[in-house]
PDB file of N, CA and C in Angstrom:
ATOM      1  N   MET A   1      36.406  21.534 -19.864  1.00  0.00           N
ATOM      2  CA  MET A   1      37.392  22.029 -18.930  1.00  0.00           C
ATOM      3  C   MET A   1      36.847  21.826 -17.515  1.00  0.00           C
ATOM      4  N   ARG A   2      37.662  21.301 -16.640  1.00  0.00           N
ATOM      5  CA  ARG A   2      37.215  20.985 -15.279  1.00  0.00           C
ATOM      6  C   ARG A   2      37.117  22.207 -14.384  1.00  0.00           C
ATOM      7  N   MET A   3      37.948  23.233 -14.631  1.00  0.00           N
ATOM      8  CA  MET A   3      37.873  24.417 -13.794  1.00  0.00           C
ATOM      9  C   MET A   3      38.358  25.621 -14.590  1.00  0.00           C
ATOM     10  N   PRO A   4      37.431  26.307 -15.254  1.00  0.00           N
ATOM     11  CA  PRO A   4      37.855  27.485 -16.016  1.00  0.00           C
ATOM     12  C   PRO A   4      38.353  28.577 -15.069  1.00  0.00           C
ATOM     13  N   LEU A   5      39.331  29.321 -15.548  1.00  0.00           N
ATOM     14  CA  LEU A   5      39.855  30.414 -14.732  1.00  0.00           C
ATOM     15  C   LEU A   5      38.851  31.552 -14.688  1.00  0.00           C
ATOM     16  N   LEU A   6      38.729  32.144 -13.524  1.00  0.00           N
ATOM     17  CA  LEU A   6      37.854  33.298 -13.339  1.00  0.00           C
ATOM     18  C   LEU A   6      38.576  34.545 -13.829  1.00  0.00           C
ATOM     19  N   ALA A   7      38.039  35.708 -13.533  1.00  0.00           N
ATOM     20  CA  ALA A   7      38.670  36.968 -13.930  1.00  0.00           C
ATOM     21  C   ALA A   7      38.753  37.889 -12.722  1.00  0.00           C
ATOM     22  N   GLY A   8      39.618  38.885 -12.805  1.00  0.00           N
ATOM     23  CA  GLY A   8      39.732  39.898 -11.766  1.00  0.00           C
ATOM     24  C   GLY A   8      40.107  39.318 -10.411  1.00  0.00           C
ATOM     25  N   GLU A   9      39.384  39.758  -9.366  1.00  0.00           N
ATOM     26  CA  GLU A   9      39.668  39.298  -8.004  1.00  0.00           C
ATOM     27  C   GLU A   9      39.398  37.809  -7.844  1.00  0.00           C
ATOM     28  N   GLY A  10      38.438  37.291  -8.610  1.00  0.00           N
ATOM     29  CA  GLY A  10      38.168  35.861  -8.572  1.00  0.00           C
ATOM     30  C   GLY A  10      39.369  35.053  -9.037  1.00  0.00           C
ATOM     31  N   LEU A  11      40.059  35.532 -10.081  1.00  0.00           N
ATOM     32  CA  LEU A  11      41.256  34.864 -10.581  1.00  0.00           C
ATOM     33  C   LEU A  11      42.369  34.907  -9.540  1.00  0.00           C
ATOM     34  N   SER A  12      42.540  36.060  -8.908  1.00  0.00           N
ATOM     35  CA  SER A  12      43.555  36.211  -7.862  1.00  0.00           C
ATOM     36  C   SER A  12      43.279  35.252  -6.705  1.00  0.00           C
ATOM     37  N   THR A  13      42.025  35.171  -6.294  1.00  0.00           N
ATOM     38  CA  THR A  13      41.635  34.273  -5.208  1.00  0.00           C
ATOM     39  C   THR A  13      41.825  32.822  -5.626  1.00  0.00           C
ATOM     40  N   GLN A  14      41.404  32.493  -6.824  1.00  0.00           N
ATOM     41  CA  GLN A  14      41.503  31.124  -7.327  1.00  0.00           C
ATOM     42  C   GLN A  14      42.967  30.656  -7.345  1.00  0.00           C
ATOM     43  N   ILE A  15      43.838  31.450  -7.899  1.00  0.00           N
ATOM     44  CA  ILE A  15      45.244  31.068  -7.996  1.00  0.00           C
ATOM     45  C   ILE A  15      45.906  31.102  -6.623  1.00  0.00           C
ATOM     46  N   GLY A  16      45.677  32.159  -5.872  1.00  0.00           N
ATOM     47  CA  GLY A  16      46.302  32.289  -4.549  1.00  0.00           C
ATOM     48  C   GLY A  16      45.868  31.202  -3.579  1.00  0.00           C
ATOM     49  N   ASP A  17      44.573  30.925  -3.525  1.00  0.00           N
ATOM     50  CA  ASP A  17      44.072  29.912  -2.599  1.00  0.00           C
ATOM     51  C   ASP A  17      44.547  28.515  -2.975  1.00  0.00           C
ATOM     52  N   LEU A  18      44.487  28.193  -4.263  1.00  0.00           N
ATOM     53  CA  LEU A  18      44.938  26.863  -4.686  1.00  0.00           C
ATOM     54  C   LEU A  18      46.432  26.692  -4.458  1.00  0.00           C
ATOM     55  N   ALA A  19      47.207  27.722  -4.781  1.00  0.00           N
ATOM     56  CA  ALA A  19      48.652  27.646  -4.562  1.00  0.00           C
ATOM     57  C   ALA A  19      48.964  27.458  -3.081  1.00  0.00           C
ATOM     58  N   SER A  20      48.311  28.233  -2.226  1.00  0.00           N
ATOM     59  CA  SER A  20      48.588  28.121  -0.787  1.00  0.00           C
ATOM     60  C   SER A  20      48.155  26.764  -0.251  1.00  0.00           C
ATOM     61  N   PHE A  21      47.048  26.238  -0.736  1.00  0.00           N
ATOM     62  CA  PHE A  21      46.561  24.922  -0.327  1.00  0.00           C
ATOM     63  C   PHE A  21      47.607  23.852  -0.621  1.00  0.00           C
ATOM     64  N   PHE A  22      48.060  23.791  -1.872  1.00  0.00           N
ATOM     65  CA  PHE A  22      49.000  22.743  -2.261  1.00  0.00           C
ATOM     66  C   PHE A  22      50.394  22.967  -1.690  1.00  0.00           C
ATOM     67  N   LEU A  23      50.842  24.216  -1.603  1.00  0.00           N
ATOM     68  CA  LEU A  23      52.158  24.483  -1.023  1.00  0.00           C
ATOM     69  C   LEU A  23      52.185  24.158   0.471  1.00  0.00           C
ATOM     70  N   ALA A  24      51.146  24.555   1.199  1.00  0.00           N
ATOM     71  CA  ALA A  24      51.090  24.238   2.633  1.00  0.00           C
ATOM     72  C   ALA A  24      51.053  22.732   2.845  1.00  0.00           C
ATOM     73  N   MET A  25      50.287  22.035   2.035  1.00  0.00           N
ATOM     74  CA  MET A  25      50.213  20.582   2.161  1.00  0.00           C
ATOM     75  C   MET A  25      51.565  19.951   1.849  1.00  0.00           C
ATOM     76  N   GLY A  26      52.177  20.355   0.765  1.00  0.00           N
ATOM     77  CA  GLY A  26      53.467  19.789   0.382  1.00  0.00           C
ATOM     78  C   GLY A  26      54.563  20.068   1.397  1.00  0.00           C
ATOM     79  N   VAL A  27      54.606  21.290   1.907  1.00  0.00           N
ATOM     80  CA  VAL A  27      55.624  21.649   2.898  1.00  0.00           C
ATOM     81  C   VAL A  27      55.413  20.866   4.189  1.00  0.00           C
ATOM     82  N   SER A  28      54.180  20.712   4.632  1.00  0.00           N
ATOM     83  CA  SER A  28      53.946  19.968   5.877  1.00  0.00           C
ATOM     84  C   SER A  28      54.325  18.498   5.716  1.00  0.00           C
ATOM     85  N   ILE A  29      54.061  17.910   4.550  1.00  0.00           N
ATOM     86  CA  ILE A  29      54.465  16.517   4.300  1.00  0.00           C
ATOM     87  C   ILE A  29      55.986  16.421   4.258  1.00  0.00           C
ATOM     88  N   LEU A  30      56.631  17.360   3.606  1.00  0.00           N
ATOM     89  CA  LEU A  30      58.089  17.357   3.531  1.00  0.00           C
ATOM     90  C   LEU A  30      58.723  17.490   4.913  1.00  0.00           C
ATOM     91  N   ILE A  31      58.211  18.403   5.729  1.00  0.00           N
ATOM     92  CA  ILE A  31      58.728  18.563   7.096  1.00  0.00           C
ATOM     93  C   ILE A  31      58.545  17.270   7.883  1.00  0.00           C
ATOM     94  N   ALA A  32      57.374  16.635   7.742  1.00  0.00           N
ATOM     95  CA  ALA A  32      57.115  15.373   8.446  1.00  0.00           C
ATOM     96  C   ALA A  32      58.128  14.311   8.053  1.00  0.00           C
ATOM     97  N   LEU A  33      58.404  14.208   6.768  1.00  0.00           N
ATOM     98  CA  LEU A  33      59.331  13.173   6.304  1.00  0.00           C
ATOM     99  C   LEU A  33      60.778  13.478   6.679  1.00  0.00           C
ATOM    100  N   LEU A  34      61.173  14.738   6.614  1.00  0.00           N
ATOM    101  CA  LEU A  34      62.546  15.106   6.965  1.00  0.00           C
ATOM    102  C   LEU A  34      62.801  14.954   8.471  1.00  0.00           C
ATOM    103  N   ASN A  35      61.794  15.255   9.284  1.00  0.00           N
ATOM    104  CA  ASN A  35      61.952  15.189  10.744  1.00  0.00           C
ATOM    105  C   ASN A  35      61.445  13.885  11.347  1.00  0.00           C
ATOM    106  N   HIS A  36      60.896  13.013  10.517  1.00  0.00           N
ATOM    107  CA  HIS A  36      60.276  11.768  11.009  1.00  0.00           C
ATOM    108  C   HIS A  36      59.266  12.087  12.117  1.00  0.00           C
ATOM    109  N   SER A  37      58.444  13.095  11.854  1.00  0.00           N
ATOM    110  CA  SER A  37      57.484  13.580  12.841  1.00  0.00           C
ATOM    111  C   SER A  37      56.063  13.494  12.277  1.00  0.00           C
ATOM    112  N   ALA A  38      55.280  12.585  12.831  1.00  0.00           N
ATOM    113  CA  ALA A  38      53.927  12.332  12.336  1.00  0.00           C
ATOM    114  C   ALA A  38      53.009  13.541  12.469  1.00  0.00           C
ATOM    115  N   ILE A  39      53.229  14.364  13.458  1.00  0.00           N
ATOM    116  CA  ILE A  39      52.318  15.482  13.729  1.00  0.00           C
ATOM    117  C   ILE A  39      52.184  16.415  12.520  1.00  0.00           C
ATOM    118  N   TRP A  40      53.240  16.515  11.705  1.00  0.00           N
ATOM    119  CA  TRP A  40      53.211  17.398  10.543  1.00  0.00           C
ATOM    120  C   TRP A  40      52.374  16.845   9.404  1.00  0.00           C
ATOM    121  N   LEU A  41      51.984  15.572   9.475  1.00  0.00           N
ATOM    122  CA  LEU A  41      51.145  15.002   8.413  1.00  0.00           C
ATOM    123  C   LEU A  41      49.668  15.363   8.593  1.00  0.00           C
ATOM    124  N   TYR A  42      49.278  15.661   9.811  1.00  0.00           N
ATOM    125  CA  TYR A  42      47.858  15.912  10.070  1.00  0.00           C
ATOM    126  C   TYR A  42      47.303  17.173   9.410  1.00  0.00           C
ATOM    127  N   PRO A  43      48.070  18.264   9.279  1.00  0.00           N
ATOM    128  CA  PRO A  43      47.526  19.399   8.507  1.00  0.00           C
ATOM    129  C   PRO A  43      47.200  19.015   7.063  1.00  0.00           C
ATOM    130  N   ALA A  44      48.055  18.201   6.446  1.00  0.00           N
ATOM    131  CA  ALA A  44      47.790  17.751   5.069  1.00  0.00           C
ATOM    132  C   ALA A  44      46.539  16.881   5.023  1.00  0.00           C
ATOM    133  N   VAL A  45      46.385  16.003   6.018  1.00  0.00           N
ATOM    134  CA  VAL A  45      45.188  15.158   6.087  1.00  0.00           C
ATOM    135  C   VAL A  45      43.941  16.027   6.210  1.00  0.00           C
ATOM    136  N   LEU A  46      43.997  17.022   7.089  1.00  0.00           N
ATOM    137  CA  LEU A  46      42.835  17.910   7.268  1.00  0.00           C
ATOM    138  C   LEU A  46      42.502  18.660   5.976  1.00  0.00           C
ATOM    139  N   LEU A  47      43.507  19.180   5.296  1.00  0.00           N
ATOM    140  CA  LEU A  47      43.252  19.895   4.037  1.00  0.00           C
ATOM    141  C   LEU A  47      42.576  18.985   3.016  1.00  0.00           C
ATOM    142  N   LEU A  48      43.062  17.761   2.895  1.00  0.00           N
ATOM    143  CA  LEU A  48      42.481  16.820   1.926  1.00  0.00           C
ATOM    144  C   LEU A  48      41.051  16.425   2.299  1.00  0.00           C
ATOM    145  N   VAL A  49      40.828  16.107   3.568  1.00  0.00           N
ATOM    146  CA  VAL A  49      39.488  15.688   4.002  1.00  0.00           C
ATOM    147  C   VAL A  49      38.503  16.852   3.882  1.00  0.00           C
ATOM    148  N   PHE A  50      38.915  18.041   4.295  1.00  0.00           N
ATOM    149  CA  PHE A  50      38.021  19.198   4.187  1.00  0.00           C
ATOM    150  C   PHE A  50      37.709  19.518   2.728  1.00  0.00           C
ATOM    151  N   ALA A  51      38.682  19.348   1.844  1.00  0.00           N
ATOM    152  CA  ALA A  51      38.425  19.584   0.410  1.00  0.00           C
ATOM    153  C   ALA A  51      37.398  18.586  -0.110  1.00  0.00           C
ATOM    154  N   ALA A  52      37.549  17.319   0.264  1.00  0.00           N
ATOM    155  CA  ALA A  52      36.595  16.288  -0.175  1.00  0.00           C
ATOM    156  C   ALA A  52      35.194  16.577   0.368  1.00  0.00           C
ATOM    157  N   VAL A  53      35.121  16.913   1.634  1.00  0.00           N
ATOM    158  CA  VAL A  53      33.825  17.219   2.253  1.00  0.00           C
ATOM    159  C   VAL A  53      33.218  18.469   1.606  1.00  0.00           C
ATOM    160  N   GLY A  54      34.048  19.468   1.345  1.00  0.00           N
ATOM    161  CA  GLY A  54      33.567  20.691   0.686  1.00  0.00           C
ATOM    162  C   GLY A  54      32.996  20.418  -0.695  1.00  0.00           C
ATOM    163  N   ARG A  55      33.628  19.525  -1.433  1.00  0.00           N
ATOM    164  CA  ARG A  55      33.118  19.165  -2.761  1.00  0.00           C
ATOM    165  C   ARG A  55      31.745  18.504  -2.655  1.00  0.00           C
ATOM    166  N   VAL A  56      31.596  17.613  -1.682  1.00  0.00           N
ATOM    167  CA  VAL A  56      30.316  16.917  -1.499  1.00  0.00           C
ATOM    168  C   VAL A  56      29.235  17.909  -1.058  1.00  0.00           C
ATOM    169  N   ILE A  57      29.581  18.820  -0.148  1.00  0.00           N
ATOM    170  CA  ILE A  57      28.617  19.840   0.299  1.00  0.00           C
ATOM    171  C   ILE A  57      28.211  20.734  -0.876  1.00  0.00           C
ATOM    172  N   ALA A  58      29.185  21.132  -1.699  1.00  0.00           N
ATOM    173  CA  ALA A  58      28.875  21.971  -2.868  1.00  0.00           C
ATOM    174  C   ALA A  58      27.925  21.244  -3.814  1.00  0.00           C
ATOM    175  N   TRP A  59      28.125  19.954  -3.953  1.00  0.00           N
ATOM    176  CA  TRP A  59      27.247  19.140  -4.816  1.00  0.00           C
ATOM    177  C   TRP A  59      25.856  19.007  -4.203  1.00  0.00           C
ATOM    178  N   LEU A  60      25.787  18.697  -2.903  1.00  0.00           N
ATOM    179  CA  LEU A  60      24.494  18.466  -2.251  1.00  0.00           C
ATOM    180  C   LEU A  60      23.641  19.725  -2.139  1.00  0.00           C
ATOM    181  N   PHE A  61      24.275  20.844  -1.793  1.00  0.00           N
ATOM    182  CA  PHE A  61      23.501  22.030  -1.435  1.00  0.00           C
ATOM    183  C   PHE A  61      23.593  23.196  -2.412  1.00  0.00           C
ATOM    184  N   HIS A  62      24.547  23.141  -3.342  1.00  0.00           N
ATOM    185  CA  HIS A  62      24.739  24.304  -4.213  1.00  0.00           C
ATOM    186  C   HIS A  62      24.690  23.978  -5.704  1.00  0.00           C
ATOM    187  N   GLY A  63      24.336  22.747  -6.041  1.00  0.00           N
ATOM    188  CA  GLY A  63      24.187  22.393  -7.444  1.00  0.00           C
ATOM    189  C   GLY A  63      25.484  22.236  -8.227  1.00  0.00           C
ATOM    190  N   ALA A  64      26.593  22.118  -7.521  1.00  0.00           N
ATOM    191  CA  ALA A  64      27.876  21.920  -8.213  1.00  0.00           C
ATOM    192  C   ALA A  64      27.955  20.494  -8.741  1.00  0.00           C
ATOM    193  N   GLY A  65      28.830  20.289  -9.709  1.00  0.00           N
ATOM    194  CA  GLY A  65      29.095  18.929 -10.169  1.00  0.00           C
ATOM    195  C   GLY A  65      29.865  18.172  -9.089  1.00  0.00           C
ATOM    196  N   LEU A  66      29.737  16.860  -9.096  1.00  0.00           N
ATOM    197  CA  LEU A  66      30.470  16.048  -8.115  1.00  0.00           C
ATOM    198  C   LEU A  66      31.638  15.359  -8.815  1.00  0.00           C
ATOM    199  N   PRO A  67      32.864  15.878  -8.618  1.00  0.00           N
ATOM    200  CA  PRO A  67      34.033  15.232  -9.224  1.00  0.00           C
ATOM    201  C   PRO A  67      34.457  14.045  -8.354  1.00  0.00           C
ATOM    202  N   LEU A  68      33.758  12.944  -8.518  1.00  0.00           N
ATOM    203  CA  LEU A  68      33.966  11.778  -7.663  1.00  0.00           C
ATOM    204  C   LEU A  68      35.403  11.275  -7.702  1.00  0.00           C
ATOM    205  N   ASP A  69      36.055  11.348  -8.860  1.00  0.00           N
ATOM    206  CA  ASP A  69      37.448  10.910  -8.942  1.00  0.00           C
ATOM    207  C   ASP A  69      38.346  11.740  -8.029  1.00  0.00           C
ATOM    208  N   MET A  70      38.089  13.043  -7.931  1.00  0.00           N
ATOM    209  CA  MET A  70      38.887  13.914  -7.058  1.00  0.00           C
ATOM    210  C   MET A  70      38.610  13.612  -5.587  1.00  0.00           C
ATOM    211  N   VAL A  71      37.340  13.414  -5.247  1.00  0.00           N
ATOM    212  CA  VAL A  71      36.963  13.105  -3.861  1.00  0.00           C
ATOM    213  C   VAL A  71      37.620  11.801  -3.425  1.00  0.00           C
ATOM    214  N   VAL A  72      37.536  10.787  -4.268  1.00  0.00           N
ATOM    215  CA  VAL A  72      38.138   9.492  -3.930  1.00  0.00           C
ATOM    216  C   VAL A  72      39.647   9.636  -3.784  1.00  0.00           C
ATOM    217  N   PHE A  73      40.291  10.340  -4.704  1.00  0.00           N
ATOM    218  CA  PHE A  73      41.734  10.538  -4.630  1.00  0.00           C
ATOM    219  C   PHE A  73      42.123  11.239  -3.333  1.00  0.00           C
ATOM    220  N   GLU A  74      41.403  12.309  -2.988  1.00  0.00           N
ATOM    221  CA  GLU A  74      41.712  13.052  -1.757  1.00  0.00           C
ATOM    222  C   GLU A  74      41.569  12.160  -0.525  1.00  0.00           C
ATOM    223  N   LEU A  75      40.534  11.351  -0.487  1.00  0.00           N
ATOM    224  CA  LEU A  75      40.324  10.472   0.664  1.00  0.00           C
ATOM    225  C   LEU A  75      41.347   9.337   0.724  1.00  0.00           C
ATOM    226  N   VAL A  76      41.740   8.814  -0.428  1.00  0.00           N
ATOM    227  CA  VAL A  76      42.761   7.757  -0.464  1.00  0.00           C
ATOM    228  C   VAL A  76      44.111   8.315  -0.006  1.00  0.00           C
ATOM    229  N   VAL A  77      44.484   9.487  -0.478  1.00  0.00           N
ATOM    230  CA  VAL A  77      45.750  10.092  -0.058  1.00  0.00           C
ATOM    231  C   VAL A  77      45.705  10.420   1.437  1.00  0.00           C
ATOM    232  N   ALA A  78      44.577  10.923   1.934  1.00  0.00           N
ATOM    233  CA  ALA A  78      44.442  11.203   3.367  1.00  0.00           C
ATOM    234  C   ALA A  78      44.612   9.920   4.177  1.00  0.00           C
ATOM    235  N   ALA A  79      43.993   8.833   3.736  1.00  0.00           N
ATOM    236  CA  ALA A  79      44.130   7.550   4.431  1.00  0.00           C
ATOM    237  C   ALA A  79      45.581   7.072   4.404  1.00  0.00           C
ATOM    238  N   PHE A  80      46.256   7.255   3.263  1.00  0.00           N
ATOM    239  CA  PHE A  80      47.663   6.877   3.154  1.00  0.00           C
ATOM    240  C   PHE A  80      48.515   7.684   4.138  1.00  0.00           C
ATOM    241  N   LEU A  81      48.271   8.991   4.217  1.00  0.00           N
ATOM    242  CA  LEU A  81      49.038   9.837   5.132  1.00  0.00           C
ATOM    243  C   LEU A  81      48.781   9.455   6.590  1.00  0.00           C
ATOM    244  N   ILE A  82      47.550   9.086   6.912  1.00  0.00           N
ATOM    245  CA  ILE A  82      47.252   8.619   8.273  1.00  0.00           C
ATOM    246  C   ILE A  82      48.025   7.331   8.556  1.00  0.00           C
ATOM    247  N   SER A  83      48.115   6.456   7.566  1.00  0.00           N
ATOM    248  CA  SER A  83      48.872   5.216   7.701  1.00  0.00           C
ATOM    249  C   SER A  83      50.361   5.510   7.941  1.00  0.00           C
ATOM    250  N   VAL A  84      50.908   6.440   7.168  1.00  0.00           N
ATOM    251  CA  VAL A  84      52.312   6.825   7.347  1.00  0.00           C
ATOM    252  C   VAL A  84      52.517   7.446   8.729  1.00  0.00           C
ATOM    253  N   ALA A  85      51.575   8.295   9.151  1.00  0.00           N
ATOM    254  CA  ALA A  85      51.678   8.920  10.474  1.00  0.00           C
ATOM    255  C   ALA A  85      51.681   7.871  11.571  1.00  0.00           C
ATOM    256  N   SER A  86      50.845   6.857  11.434  1.00  0.00           N
ATOM    257  CA  SER A  86      50.816   5.827  12.452  1.00  0.00           C
ATOM    258  C   SER A  86      52.093   5.013  12.471  1.00  0.00           C
ATOM    259  N   LYS A  87      52.679   4.795  11.293  1.00  0.00           N
ATOM    260  CA  LYS A  87      53.979   4.093  11.238  1.00  0.00           C
ATOM    261  C   LYS A  87      55.082   4.938  11.869  1.00  0.00           C
ATOM    262  N   LEU A  88      55.099   6.216  11.570  1.00  0.00           N
ATOM    263  CA  LEU A  88      56.096   7.103  12.173  1.00  0.00           C
ATOM    264  C   LEU A  88      55.949   7.132  13.682  1.00  0.00           C
ATOM    265  N   THR A  89      54.714   7.178  14.170  1.00  0.00           N
ATOM    266  CA  THR A  89      54.456   7.199  15.614  1.00  0.00           C
ATOM    267  C   THR A  89      54.922   5.904  16.243  1.00  0.00           C
ATOM    268  N   ALA A  90      54.647   4.787  15.596  1.00  0.00           N
ATOM    269  CA  ALA A  90      55.076   3.482  16.114  1.00  0.00           C
ATOM    270  C   ALA A  90      56.598   3.398  16.155  1.00  0.00           C
ATOM    271  N   ASP A  91      57.246   3.906  15.117  1.00  0.00           N
ATOM    272  CA  ASP A  91      58.710   3.896  15.078  1.00  0.00           C
ATOM    273  C   ASP A  91      59.311   4.768  16.184  1.00  0.00           C
ATOM    274  N   GLN A  92      58.643   5.893  16.489  1.00  0.00           N
ATOM    275  CA  GLN A  92      59.136   6.790  17.531  1.00  0.00           C
ATOM    276  C   GLN A  92      58.982   6.164  18.912  1.00  0.00           C
ATOM    277  N   THR A  93      57.931   5.420  19.129  1.00  0.00           N
ATOM    278  CA  THR A  93      57.733   4.793  20.447  1.00  0.00           C
ATOM    279  C   THR A  93      58.694   3.627  20.664  1.00  0.00           C
ATOM    280  N   LYS A  94      59.194   3.005  19.582  1.00  0.00           N
ATOM    281  CA  LYS A  94      60.167   1.936  19.705  1.00  0.00           C
ATOM    282  C   LYS A  94      61.539   2.464  20.101  1.00  0.00           C
ATOM    283  N   SER A  95      61.824   3.702  19.697  1.00  0.00           N
ATOM    284  CA  SER A  95      63.147   4.280  19.956  1.00  0.00           C
ATOM    285  C   SER A  95      63.324   4.699  21.384  1.00  0.00           C
TER     286      SER A  95
END
C-alpha cells in the first residue's frame, strides 16, 4: 500500500489536507480555463512543485521512500500548466 490511512487526528489531517490540496488545485485550474486567465494556473503549479520538492526533502532528510513516479508526474503536470499559462498570456496580448 502506498499510503496507509492513519488514525484519529492524523486521519482527519490526512484526509482534510489531501482533499483541500486537490480541490484547490482543481478549482484554480477550472477558473483559469473558464476565464482564460493564466494567473489562476500558478497556484496549481506551486502546489505541484512544492509537493514534489517536499517528497524529495522527506526522502533526503527524513528517511521516507522516494516515489519517483509521483515526483515526475507532478513536475510534468506543472510544466504543462506553465505551458498553458504562457499560451493564455500570449493569446491575451494578441487581443
